Amino acid sequence: MNQKIELNEFISTIKQIVTITSSTFLQNFSRTHPSVIFTKQNQAPEDIIQRSKALALDVAQATSDSEDNFLTWIHNYSGNRWNDFANDYNSIQHLVSKRERIVDAGAAPYILSALLKQDGHEIIPLDIDPGRHIPVIELLNLIPRQCALDKDRWPVESDSCSIVIMNEVFEHLRNPLHALKNTHRILKKSGYFTITTPNLGSYSGIVNFFLANRAQALSTDIFSEYIKLERIGHMGHVREYTINEMCDCAEKVGFVLERIEFSGPSKYQLLVKQNQKIEIDLTNSAPHLLLKARYFFKKQ
């Protein structure tokens, strides 16, 4: 009985910490960004999911026999994430009303690029080393341009594209301001920059900070993230960002935030003791407590 009471008190304390942290953030953010909308990401329609699934399975098949570490990563990632690709495509497609020039920065595994190309858009995928995934780009008939996003001048003309996409990339960059400045440079006026990145201010991020002394929402330990540079050729998560941090960086470069869509698991598992977990239901929580954030910035 005492153990049950202690566990209930523990869960109650965690919820109080998250509630206080969350409400304080919302009050302050609404004062500086009164017109910004927070929503949960919508589920893509079935036809988009099937298009994404077909592409993802083709990519997984094309990389199934590879012994290359990065192609193995593409195989595993593509084979399990087609629903995410479909939802991301569904979120982005409303930004385009005609044939547009779209830059997909950090495009691997290229499923989103391929979905947009199917719609007739001019897609410019950027990657640090396109030679790592020739079977995939040949399969999808894409021509990526080589670019270290946080170091090189992006190989795209200034004021030439309508949308820049950066999915699950920003947290890997060692010099993210360089990437933001290049994004701003290549976008036309009123062009959109849409980016997904782990939400450090999520339920997971808040709990990890207070209970595990780790500033992370999604990543593993720092060593495991940094060793990926040797193992697969690019950094793991250099760091993750809160909403305020992400907005502060982008706005100082010259972007205006319009809205944020949030996604992620509706159940959060919290490790209480070794081999003992409790599950917290986030279904009715505020959207900004979910694990992943998609930002929609507009160039002024």
C-alpha atoms as a PDB file:
ATOM      1  CA  MET A   1       0.000   0.000   0.000  1.00  0.00           C
ATOM      2  CA  ASN A   2       2.785   2.440   0.929  1.00  0.00           C
ATOM      3  CA  GLN A   3       4.556   1.800  -2.365  1.00  0.00           C
ATOM      4  CA  LYS A   4       1.351   2.593  -4.252  1.00  0.00           C
ATOM      5  CA  ILE A   5       0.852   5.823  -2.287  1.00  0.00           C
ATOM      6  CA  GLU A   6       4.460   6.849  -2.911  1.00  0.00           C
ATOM      7  CA  LEU A   7       4.090   6.150  -6.632  1.00  0.00           C
ATOM      8  CA  ASN A   8       0.877   8.169  -6.858  1.00  0.00           C
ATOM      9  CA  GLU A   9       2.530  11.056  -5.032  1.00  0.00           C
ATOM     10  CA  PHE A  10       5.497  10.823  -7.367  1.00  0.00           C
ATOM     11  CA  ILE A  11       3.275  10.935 -10.472  1.00  0.00           C
ATOM     12  CA  SER A  12       1.338  13.865  -9.005  1.00  0.00           C
ATOM     13  CA  THR A  13       4.573  15.773  -8.369  1.00  0.00           C
ATOM     14  CA  ILE A  14       5.765  15.177 -11.942  1.00  0.00           C
ATOM     15  CA  LYS A  15       2.457  16.421 -13.324  1.00  0.00           C
ATOM     16  CA  GLN A  16       2.639  19.541 -11.135  1.00  0.00           C
ATOM     17  CA  ILE A  17       6.157  20.318 -12.369  1.00  0.00           C
ATOM     18  CA  VAL A  18       5.082  19.943 -16.000  1.00  0.00           C
ATOM     19  CA  THR A  19       1.925  22.009 -15.441  1.00  0.00           C
ATOM     20  CA  ILE A  20       3.779  24.903 -13.807  1.00  0.00           C
ATOM     21  CA  THR A  21       6.557  24.885 -16.418  1.00  0.00           C
ATOM     22  CA  SER A  22       4.059  24.654 -19.254  1.00  0.00           C
ATOM     23  CA  SER A  23       1.689  27.372 -18.054  1.00  0.00           C
ATOM     24  CA  THR A  24       4.557  29.796 -17.392  1.00  0.00           C
ATOM     25  CA  PHE A  25       5.873  29.257 -20.910  1.00  0.00           C
ATOM     26  CA  LEU A  26       2.439  29.747 -22.497  1.00  0.00           C
ATOM     27  CA  GLN A  27       1.811  33.013 -20.649  1.00  0.00           C
ATOM     28  CA  ASN A  28       5.149  34.477 -21.673  1.00  0.00           C
ATOM     29  CA  PHE A  29       5.020  33.209 -25.271  1.00  0.00           C
ATOM     30  CA  SER A  30       1.503  34.502 -25.902  1.00  0.00           C
ATOM     31  CA  ARG A  31       2.642  37.999 -24.961  1.00  0.00           C
ATOM     32  CA  THR A  32       5.439  38.033 -27.528  1.00  0.00           C
ATOM     33  CA  HIS A  33       3.654  35.975 -30.225  1.00  0.00           C
ATOM     34  CA  PRO A  34      -0.066  36.747 -29.838  1.00  0.00           C
ATOM     35  CA  SER A  35      -1.055  35.588 -33.344  1.00  0.00           C
ATOM     36  CA  VAL A  36       0.904  32.323 -33.448  1.00  0.00           C
ATOM     37  CA  ILE A  37      -1.226  29.170 -33.557  1.00  0.00           C
ATOM     38  CA  PHE A  38      -0.367  25.916 -31.748  1.00  0.00           C
ATOM     39  CA  THR A  39      -2.039  22.800 -33.183  1.00  0.00           C
ATOM     40  CA  LYS A  40      -1.581  19.058 -33.317  1.00  0.00           C
ATOM     41  CA  GLN A  41      -0.398  17.756 -36.664  1.00  0.00           C
ATOM     42  CA  ASN A  42      -3.228  16.243 -38.695  1.00  0.00           C
ATOM     43  CA  GLN A  43      -3.117  12.658 -39.865  1.00  0.00           C
ATOM     44  CA  ALA A  44      -2.561  12.424 -43.625  1.00  0.00           C
ATOM     45  CA  PRO A  45      -5.371  11.023 -45.815  1.00  0.00           C
ATOM     46  CA  GLU A  46      -5.098   7.361 -46.759  1.00  0.00           C
ATOM     47  CA  ASP A  47      -4.084   8.029 -50.380  1.00  0.00           C
ATOM     48  CA  ILE A  48      -1.066  10.059 -49.236  1.00  0.00           C
ATOM     49  CA  ILE A  49      -0.117   7.377 -46.704  1.00  0.00           C
ATOM     50  CA  GLN A  50      -0.207   4.754 -49.456  1.00  0.00           C
ATOM     51  CA  ARG A  51       1.947   6.897 -51.766  1.00  0.00           C
ATOM     52  CA  SER A  52       4.454   7.387 -48.972  1.00  0.00           C
ATOM     53  CA  LYS A  53       4.406   3.707 -48.033  1.00  0.00           C
ATOM     54  CA  ALA A  54       5.074   2.618 -51.617  1.00  0.00           C
ATOM     55  CA  LEU A  55       8.087   4.930 -51.910  1.00  0.00           C
ATOM     56  CA  ALA A  56       9.436   4.010 -48.483  1.00  0.00           C
ATOM     57  CA  LEU A  57       9.198   0.268 -49.152  1.00  0.00           C
ATOM     58  CA  ASP A  58      10.921   0.712 -52.531  1.00  0.00           C
ATOM     59  CA  VAL A  59      13.761   2.572 -50.816  1.00  0.00           C
ATOM     60  CA  ALA A  60      13.982  -0.050 -48.070  1.00  0.00           C
ATOM     61  CA  GLN A  61      14.141  -2.789 -50.687  1.00  0.00           C
ATOM     62  CA  ALA A  62      16.839  -0.974 -52.670  1.00  0.00           C
ATOM     63  CA  THR A  63      19.044  -0.800 -49.579  1.00  0.00           C
ATOM     64  CA  SER A  64      18.213  -4.171 -48.033  1.00  0.00           C
ATOM     65  CA  ASP A  65      21.452  -5.970 -48.960  1.00  0.00           C
ATOM     66  CA  SER A  66      23.867  -3.131 -48.287  1.00  0.00           C
ATOM     67  CA  GLU A  67      26.718  -3.468 -45.820  1.00  0.00           C
ATOM     68  CA  ASP A  68      27.236   0.295 -45.801  1.00  0.00           C
ATOM     69  CA  ASN A  69      26.337   1.804 -42.413  1.00  0.00           C
ATOM     70  CA  PHE A  70      24.484   4.780 -43.852  1.00  0.00           C
ATOM     71  CA  LEU A  71      22.483   2.752 -46.383  1.00  0.00           C
ATOM     72  CA  THR A  72      21.577   0.388 -43.555  1.00  0.00           C
ATOM     73  CA  TRP A  73      20.300   3.416 -41.622  1.00  0.00           C
ATOM     74  CA  ILE A  74      18.232   4.503 -44.657  1.00  0.00           C
ATOM     75  CA  HIS A  75      16.840   0.975 -44.959  1.00  0.00           C
ATOM     76  CA  ASN A  76      15.707   0.881 -41.331  1.00  0.00           C
ATOM     77  CA  TYR A  77      14.477   4.475 -41.228  1.00  0.00           C
ATOM     78  CA  SER A  78      12.481   4.252 -44.471  1.00  0.00           C
ATOM     79  CA  GLY A  79      10.914   0.931 -43.618  1.00  0.00           C
ATOM     80  CA  ASN A  80       9.380   2.242 -40.386  1.00  0.00           C
ATOM     81  CA  ARG A  81       8.527   5.897 -40.981  1.00  0.00           C
ATOM     82  CA  TRP A  82       6.252   6.162 -44.016  1.00  0.00           C
ATOM     83  CA  ASN A  83       3.387   7.438 -41.891  1.00  0.00           C
ATOM     84  CA  ASP A  84       5.628  10.283 -40.649  1.00  0.00           C
ATOM     85  CA  PHE A  85       6.664  11.150 -44.222  1.00  0.00           C
ATOM     86  CA  ALA A  86       3.001  11.221 -45.255  1.00  0.00           C
ATOM     87  CA  ASN A  87       2.021  13.483 -42.351  1.00  0.00           C
ATOM     88  CA  ASP A  88       4.921  15.858 -43.094  1.00  0.00           C
ATOM     89  CA  TYR A  89       3.943  16.003 -46.768  1.00  0.00           C
ATOM     90  CA  ASN A  90       0.335  16.647 -45.779  1.00  0.00           C
ATOM     91  CA  SER A  91       1.430  19.559 -43.559  1.00  0.00           C
ATOM     92  CA  ILE A  92       3.556  21.121 -46.286  1.00  0.00           C
ATOM     93  CA  GLN A  93       1.413  20.716 -49.382  1.00  0.00           C
ATOM     94  CA  HIS A  94      -1.011  23.494 -48.406  1.00  0.00           C
ATOM     95  CA  LEU A  95       1.878  25.977 -48.794  1.00  0.00           C
ATOM     96  CA  VAL A  96       2.091  25.335 -52.538  1.00  0.00           C
ATOM     97  CA  SER A  97      -0.607  26.148 -55.069  1.00  0.00           C
ATOM     98  CA  LYS A  98       1.355  25.636 -58.291  1.00  0.00           C
ATOM     99  CA  ARG A  99       4.669  24.285 -59.503  1.00  0.00           C
ATOM    100  CA  GLU A 100       7.272  25.639 -57.099  1.00  0.00           C
ATOM    101  CA  ARG A 101      11.008  25.432 -56.551  1.00  0.00           C
ATOM    102  CA  ILE A 102      11.481  23.666 -53.221  1.00  0.00           C
ATOM    103  CA  VAL A 103      14.754  23.009 -51.402  1.00  0.00           C
ATOM    104  CA  ASP A 104      14.853  19.951 -49.150  1.00  0.00           C
ATOM    105  CA  ALA A 105      17.836  20.597 -46.878  1.00  0.00           C
ATOM    106  CA  GLY A 106      19.222  17.372 -45.436  1.00  0.00           C
ATOM    107  CA  ALA A 107      16.936  15.373 -47.688  1.00  0.00           C
ATOM    108  CA  ALA A 108      17.950  11.760 -46.954  1.00  0.00           C
ATOM    109  CA  PRO A 109      16.179   9.347 -47.067  1.00  0.00           C
ATOM    110  CA  TYR A 110      14.477  11.414 -49.829  1.00  0.00           C
ATOM    111  CA  ILE A 111      10.907  10.150 -49.390  1.00  0.00           C
ATOM    112  CA  LEU A 112       9.513  13.653 -48.867  1.00  0.00           C
ATOM    113  CA  SER A 113      11.476  14.981 -51.851  1.00  0.00           C
ATOM    114  CA  ALA A 114      10.050  12.190 -53.991  1.00  0.00           C
ATOM    115  CA  LEU A 115       6.462  12.839 -52.851  1.00  0.00           C
ATOM    116  CA  LEU A 116       6.763  16.523 -53.772  1.00  0.00           C
ATOM    117  CA  LYS A 117       8.423  15.715 -57.094  1.00  0.00           C
ATOM    118  CA  GLN A 118       5.455  13.485 -57.948  1.00  0.00           C
ATOM    119  CA  ASP A 119       3.331  16.648 -57.748  1.00  0.00           C
ATOM    120  CA  GLY A 120       5.467  18.345 -60.412  1.00  0.00           C
ATOM    121  CA  HIS A 121       7.524  20.635 -58.192  1.00  0.00           C
ATOM    122  CA  GLU A 122      11.169  21.391 -58.884  1.00  0.00           C
ATOM    123  CA  ILE A 123      12.952  19.716 -55.994  1.00  0.00           C
ATOM    124  CA  ILE A 124      16.515  20.533 -54.979  1.00  0.00           C
ATOM    125  CA  PRO A 125      17.675  18.024 -52.351  1.00  0.00           C
ATOM    126  CA  LEU A 126      20.779  18.983 -50.374  1.00  0.00           C
ATOM    127  CA  ASP A 127      22.983  16.489 -48.552  1.00  0.00           C
ATOM    128  CA  ILE A 128      26.442  16.461 -47.015  1.00  0.00           C
ATOM    129  CA  ASP A 129      27.501  13.493 -49.185  1.00  0.00           C
ATOM    130  CA  PRO A 130      25.029  12.336 -51.868  1.00  0.00           C
ATOM    131  CA  GLY A 131      27.505   9.678 -52.950  1.00  0.00           C
ATOM    132  CA  ARG A 132      26.585   7.694 -49.849  1.00  0.00           C
ATOM    133  CA  HIS A 133      23.164   6.805 -51.210  1.00  0.00           C
ATOM    134  CA  ILE A 134      23.415   6.428 -54.980  1.00  0.00           C
ATOM    135  CA  PRO A 135      20.971   3.448 -55.092  1.00  0.00           C
ATOM    136  CA  VAL A 136      18.281   5.611 -53.491  1.00  0.00           C
ATOM    137  CA  ILE A 137      18.693   8.751 -55.607  1.00  0.00           C
ATOM    138  CA  GLU A 138      18.820   6.650 -58.791  1.00  0.00           C
ATOM    139  CA  LEU A 139      15.665   4.810 -57.764  1.00  0.00           C
ATOM    140  CA  LEU A 140      13.790   8.057 -57.036  1.00  0.00           C
ATOM    141  CA  ASN A 141      15.293   9.927 -60.016  1.00  0.00           C
ATOM    142  CA  LEU A 142      16.575  12.792 -57.881  1.00  0.00           C
ATOM    143  CA  ILE A 143      19.669  14.944 -58.364  1.00  0.00           C
ATOM    144  CA  PRO A 144      20.868  16.109 -54.946  1.00  0.00           C
ATOM    145  CA  ARG A 145      23.485  18.799 -54.528  1.00  0.00           C
ATOM    146  CA  GLN A 146      26.389  18.302 -52.161  1.00  0.00           C
ATOM    147  CA  CYS A 147      26.393  20.704 -49.224  1.00  0.00           C
ATOM    148  CA  ALA A 148      27.486  20.737 -45.600  1.00  0.00           C
ATOM    149  CA  LEU A 149      24.530  22.762 -44.366  1.00  0.00           C
ATOM    150  CA  ASP A 150      26.302  24.293 -41.379  1.00  0.00           C
ATOM    151  CA  LYS A 151      29.534  25.158 -43.198  1.00  0.00           C
ATOM    152  CA  ASP A 152      29.167  25.588 -46.988  1.00  0.00           C
ATOM    153  CA  ARG A 153      27.457  28.318 -48.954  1.00  0.00           C
ATOM    154  CA  TRP A 154      24.356  26.532 -50.151  1.00  0.00           C
ATOM    155  CA  PRO A 155      24.504  25.820 -53.925  1.00  0.00           C
ATOM    156  CA  VAL A 156      21.208  27.594 -54.626  1.00  0.00           C
ATOM    157  CA  GLU A 157      20.716  31.069 -56.093  1.00  0.00           C
ATOM    158  CA  SER A 158      19.591  33.900 -53.817  1.00  0.00           C
ATOM    159  CA  ASP A 159      15.858  34.755 -53.756  1.00  0.00           C
ATOM    160  CA  SER A 160      15.090  31.795 -56.011  1.00  0.00           C
ATOM    161  CA  CYS A 161      12.858  29.327 -54.145  1.00  0.00           C
ATOM    162  CA  SER A 162       9.431  29.366 -52.545  1.00  0.00           C
ATOM    163  CA  ILE A 163       9.923  26.828 -49.764  1.00  0.00           C
ATOM    164  CA  VAL A 164      12.828  25.438 -47.781  1.00  0.00           C
ATOM    165  CA  ILE A 165      12.205  22.219 -45.855  1.00  0.00           C
ATOM    166  CA  MET A 166      14.473  21.038 -43.061  1.00  0.00           C
ATOM    167  CA  ASN A 167      13.160  17.837 -41.505  1.00  0.00           C
ATOM    168  CA  GLU A 168      14.921  16.303 -38.496  1.00  0.00           C
ATOM    169  CA  VAL A 169      18.157  18.123 -39.361  1.00  0.00           C
ATOM    170  CA  PHE A 170      18.507  21.293 -37.280  1.00  0.00           C
ATOM    171  CA  GLU A 171      19.394  19.394 -34.105  1.00  0.00           C
ATOM    172  CA  HIS A 172      22.333  17.766 -35.957  1.00  0.00           C
ATOM    173  CA  LEU A 173      23.997  21.043 -36.978  1.00  0.00           C
ATOM    174  CA  ARG A 174      27.090  22.388 -35.254  1.00  0.00           C
ATOM    175  CA  ASN A 175      26.539  25.883 -36.690  1.00  0.00           C
ATOM    176  CA  PRO A 176      22.767  26.229 -37.108  1.00  0.00           C
ATOM    177  CA  LEU A 177      22.885  30.010 -37.638  1.00  0.00           C
ATOM    178  CA  HIS A 178      24.868  29.446 -40.832  1.00  0.00           C
ATOM    179  CA  ALA A 179      22.056  27.222 -42.108  1.00  0.00           C
ATOM    180  CA  LEU A 180      19.387  29.759 -41.104  1.00  0.00           C
ATOM    181  CA  LYS A 181      21.173  32.588 -42.899  1.00  0.00           C
ATOM    182  CA  ASN A 182      21.486  30.529 -46.083  1.00  0.00           C
ATOM    183  CA  THR A 183      17.820  29.566 -45.853  1.00  0.00           C
ATOM    184  CA  HIS A 184      16.866  33.229 -45.611  1.00  0.00           C
ATOM    185  CA  ARG A 185      19.167  34.114 -48.528  1.00  0.00           C
ATOM    186  CA  ILE A 186      17.755  31.603 -51.019  1.00  0.00           C
ATOM    187  CA  LEU A 187      14.069  32.168 -50.210  1.00  0.00           C
ATOM    188  CA  LYS A 188      11.966  34.606 -52.172  1.00  0.00           C
ATOM    189  CA  LYS A 189      10.223  37.332 -50.208  1.00  0.00           C
ATOM    190  CA  SER A 190       7.242  35.817 -48.383  1.00  0.00           C
ATOM    191  CA  GLY A 191       8.707  32.352 -48.955  1.00  0.00           C
ATOM    192  CA  TYR A 192       8.252  29.684 -46.286  1.00  0.00           C
ATOM    193  CA  PHE A 193      10.802  27.895 -44.153  1.00  0.00           C
ATOM    194  CA  THR A 194       9.319  24.829 -42.479  1.00  0.00           C
ATOM    195  CA  ILE A 195      11.349  22.776 -40.056  1.00  0.00           C
ATOM    196  CA  THR A 196      10.802  19.807 -37.776  1.00  0.00           C
ATOM    197  CA  THR A 197      12.964  19.212 -34.730  1.00  0.00           C
ATOM    198  CA  PRO A 198      12.580  17.549 -31.318  1.00  0.00           C
ATOM    199  CA  ASN A 199      10.753  19.730 -28.821  1.00  0.00           C
ATOM    200  CA  LEU A 200      13.007  20.119 -25.784  1.00  0.00           C
ATOM    201  CA  GLY A 201      10.105  21.732 -23.917  1.00  0.00           C
ATOM    202  CA  SER A 202       7.954  18.630 -24.363  1.00  0.00           C
ATOM    203  CA  TYR A 203       6.759  16.426 -21.524  1.00  0.00           C
ATOM    204  CA  SER A 204       9.728  14.167 -22.194  1.00  0.00           C
ATOM    205  CA  GLY A 205      12.188  17.069 -22.187  1.00  0.00           C
ATOM    206  CA  ILE A 206      10.882  18.554 -18.936  1.00  0.00           C
ATOM    207  CA  VAL A 207      10.902  15.214 -17.121  1.00  0.00           C
ATOM    208  CA  ASN A 208      14.379  14.295 -18.397  1.00  0.00           C
ATOM    209  CA  PHE A 209      15.744  17.620 -17.178  1.00  0.00           C
ATOM    210  CA  PHE A 210      14.305  17.407 -13.672  1.00  0.00           C
ATOM    211  CA  LEU A 211      14.691  13.668 -13.057  1.00  0.00           C
ATOM    212  CA  ALA A 212      17.637  12.551 -15.181  1.00  0.00           C
ATOM    213  CA  ASN A 213      19.676  15.775 -15.299  1.00  0.00           C
ATOM    214  CA  ARG A 214      19.728  15.555 -19.110  1.00  0.00           C
ATOM    215  CA  ALA A 215      18.848  18.350 -21.539  1.00  0.00           C
ATOM    216  CA  GLN A 216      17.193  16.097 -24.088  1.00  0.00           C
ATOM    217  CA  ALA A 217      13.734  15.094 -25.236  1.00  0.00           C
ATOM    218  CA  LEU A 218      14.524  12.420 -27.806  1.00  0.00           C
ATOM    219  CA  SER A 219      18.263  11.812 -28.148  1.00  0.00           C
ATOM    220  CA  THR A 220      20.325   9.194 -26.365  1.00  0.00           C
ATOM    221  CA  ASP A 221      23.462   9.976 -24.383  1.00  0.00           C
ATOM    222  CA  ILE A 222      25.897  12.536 -25.806  1.00  0.00           C
ATOM    223  CA  PHE A 223      28.614   9.998 -26.593  1.00  0.00           C
ATOM    224  CA  SER A 224      26.243   7.875 -28.673  1.00  0.00           C
ATOM    225  CA  GLU A 225      25.097  10.945 -30.614  1.00  0.00           C
ATOM    226  CA  TYR A 226      28.586  12.268 -31.343  1.00  0.00           C
ATOM    227  CA  ILE A 227      30.102   8.904 -32.309  1.00  0.00           C
ATOM    228  CA  LYS A 228      27.656   8.765 -35.236  1.00  0.00           C
ATOM    229  CA  LEU A 229      29.988  11.152 -37.066  1.00  0.00           C
ATOM    230  CA  GLU A 230      32.502   8.303 -37.283  1.00  0.00           C
ATOM    231  CA  ARG A 231      30.012   5.502 -37.798  1.00  0.00           C
ATOM    232  CA  ILE A 232      27.597   6.904 -40.405  1.00  0.00           C
ATOM    233  CA  GLY A 233      29.227  10.131 -41.571  1.00  0.00           C
ATOM    234  CA  HIS A 234      27.147  12.798 -39.886  1.00  0.00           C
ATOM    235  CA  MET A 235      26.563  14.057 -36.370  1.00  0.00           C
ATOM    236  CA  GLY A 236      23.849  12.748 -34.137  1.00  0.00           C
ATOM    237  CA  HIS A 237      21.950  15.318 -32.086  1.00  0.00           C
ATOM    238  CA  VAL A 238      24.327  18.133 -31.203  1.00  0.00           C
ATOM    239  CA  ARG A 239      21.536  19.592 -29.066  1.00  0.00           C
ATOM    240  CA  GLU A 240      17.765  19.950 -28.994  1.00  0.00           C
ATOM    241  CA  TYR A 241      15.831  23.223 -28.747  1.00  0.00           C
ATOM    242  CA  THR A 242      12.923  24.720 -26.866  1.00  0.00           C
ATOM    243  CA  ILE A 243      10.275  26.683 -28.746  1.00  0.00           C
ATOM    244  CA  ASN A 244      11.684  29.963 -27.461  1.00  0.00           C
ATOM    245  CA  GLU A 245      15.204  29.062 -28.577  1.00  0.00           C
ATOM    246  CA  MET A 246      14.082  28.000 -32.037  1.00  0.00           C
ATOM    247  CA  CYS A 247      12.033  31.161 -32.534  1.00  0.00           C
ATOM    248  CA  ASP A 248      14.758  33.428 -31.181  1.00  0.00           C
ATOM    249  CA  CYS A 249      17.314  32.094 -33.684  1.00  0.00           C
ATOM    250  CA  ALA A 250      15.002  32.237 -36.705  1.00  0.00           C
ATOM    251  CA  GLU A 251      13.479  35.620 -35.915  1.00  0.00           C
ATOM    252  CA  LYS A 252      16.854  37.318 -35.466  1.00  0.00           C
ATOM    253  CA  VAL A 253      17.809  36.136 -38.960  1.00  0.00           C
ATOM    254  CA  GLY A 254      14.659  37.724 -40.408  1.00  0.00           C
ATOM    255  CA  PHE A 255      11.842  35.181 -40.222  1.00  0.00           C
ATOM    256  CA  VAL A 256       8.360  35.576 -38.752  1.00  0.00           C
ATOM    257  CA  LEU A 257       6.693  32.617 -37.044  1.00  0.00           C
ATOM    258  CA  GLU A 258       3.146  31.838 -38.218  1.00  0.00           C
ATOM    259  CA  ARG A 259       2.288  28.568 -36.489  1.00  0.00           C
ATOM    260  CA  ILE A 260       3.649  25.386 -34.950  1.00  0.00           C
ATOM    261  CA  GLU A 261       2.278  21.875 -35.405  1.00  0.00           C
ATOM    262  CA  PHE A 262       3.103  19.251 -32.795  1.00  0.00           C
ATOM    263  CA  SER A 263       3.202  15.490 -33.064  1.00  0.00           C
ATOM    264  CA  GLY A 264       4.451  12.466 -31.181  1.00  0.00           C
ATOM    265  CA  PRO A 265       3.276   9.557 -29.049  1.00  0.00           C
ATOM    266  CA  SER A 266       0.143  10.121 -26.986  1.00  0.00           C
ATOM    267  CA  LYS A 267       1.546   7.896 -24.239  1.00  0.00           C
ATOM    268  CA  TYR A 268       4.689   8.722 -22.284  1.00  0.00           C
ATOM    269  CA  GLN A 269       6.539   5.998 -20.393  1.00  0.00           C
ATOM    270  CA  LEU A 270       8.492   7.100 -17.349  1.00  0.00           C
ATOM    271  CA  LEU A 271      11.126   4.867 -15.775  1.00  0.00           C
ATOM    272  CA  VAL A 272      10.540   4.918 -12.017  1.00  0.00           C
ATOM    273  CA  LYS A 273      12.916   2.192 -10.880  1.00  0.00           C
ATOM    274  CA  GLN A 274      14.976  -0.403 -12.674  1.00  0.00           C
ATOM    275  CA  ASN A 275      12.579  -2.430 -14.844  1.00  0.00           C
ATOM    276  CA  GLN A 276       9.577  -0.469 -13.543  1.00  0.00           C
ATOM    277  CA  LYS A 277       7.795   2.006 -15.813  1.00  0.00           C
ATOM    278  CA  ILE A 278       4.634   4.038 -15.502  1.00  0.00           C
ATOM    279  CA  GLU A 279       2.625   5.272 -18.470  1.00  0.00           C
ATOM    280  CA  ILE A 280       1.261   8.815 -18.608  1.00  0.00           C
ATOM    281  CA  ASP A 281      -1.515   9.625 -21.075  1.00  0.00           C
ATOM    282  CA  LEU A 282      -0.849  12.815 -23.070  1.00  0.00           C
ATOM    283  CA  THR A 283      -3.915  12.505 -25.315  1.00  0.00           C
ATOM    284  CA  ASN A 284      -5.683  15.524 -23.810  1.00  0.00           C
ATOM    285  CA  SER A 285      -2.549  17.512 -23.006  1.00  0.00           C
ATOM    286  CA  ALA A 286      -1.667  20.825 -24.609  1.00  0.00           C
ATOM    287  CA  PRO A 287      -0.113  20.299 -28.075  1.00  0.00           C
ATOM    288  CA  HIS A 288       3.182  21.931 -27.129  1.00  0.00           C
ATOM    289  CA  LEU A 289       3.939  19.095 -24.694  1.00  0.00           C
ATOM    290  CA  LEU A 290       4.287  16.611 -27.577  1.00  0.00           C
ATOM    291  CA  LEU A 291       7.687  15.385 -28.687  1.00  0.00           C
ATOM    292  CA  LYS A 292       8.129  16.888 -32.166  1.00  0.00           C
ATOM    293  CA  ALA A 293       7.504  20.439 -33.393  1.00  0.00           C
ATOM    294  CA  ARG A 294       7.031  21.619 -36.978  1.00  0.00           C
ATOM    295  CA  TYR A 295       7.605  25.352 -37.318  1.00  0.00           C
ATOM    296  CA  PHE A 296       6.259  27.466 -40.169  1.00  0.00           C
ATOM    297  CA  PHE A 297       8.374  30.588 -40.629  1.00  0.00           C
ATOM    298  CA  LYS A 298       7.873  33.205 -43.326  1.00  0.00           C
ATOM    299  CA  LYS A 299      10.560  35.423 -44.830  1.00  0.00           C
ATOM    300  CA  GLN A 300       9.818  39.099 -44.291  1.00  0.00           C
END
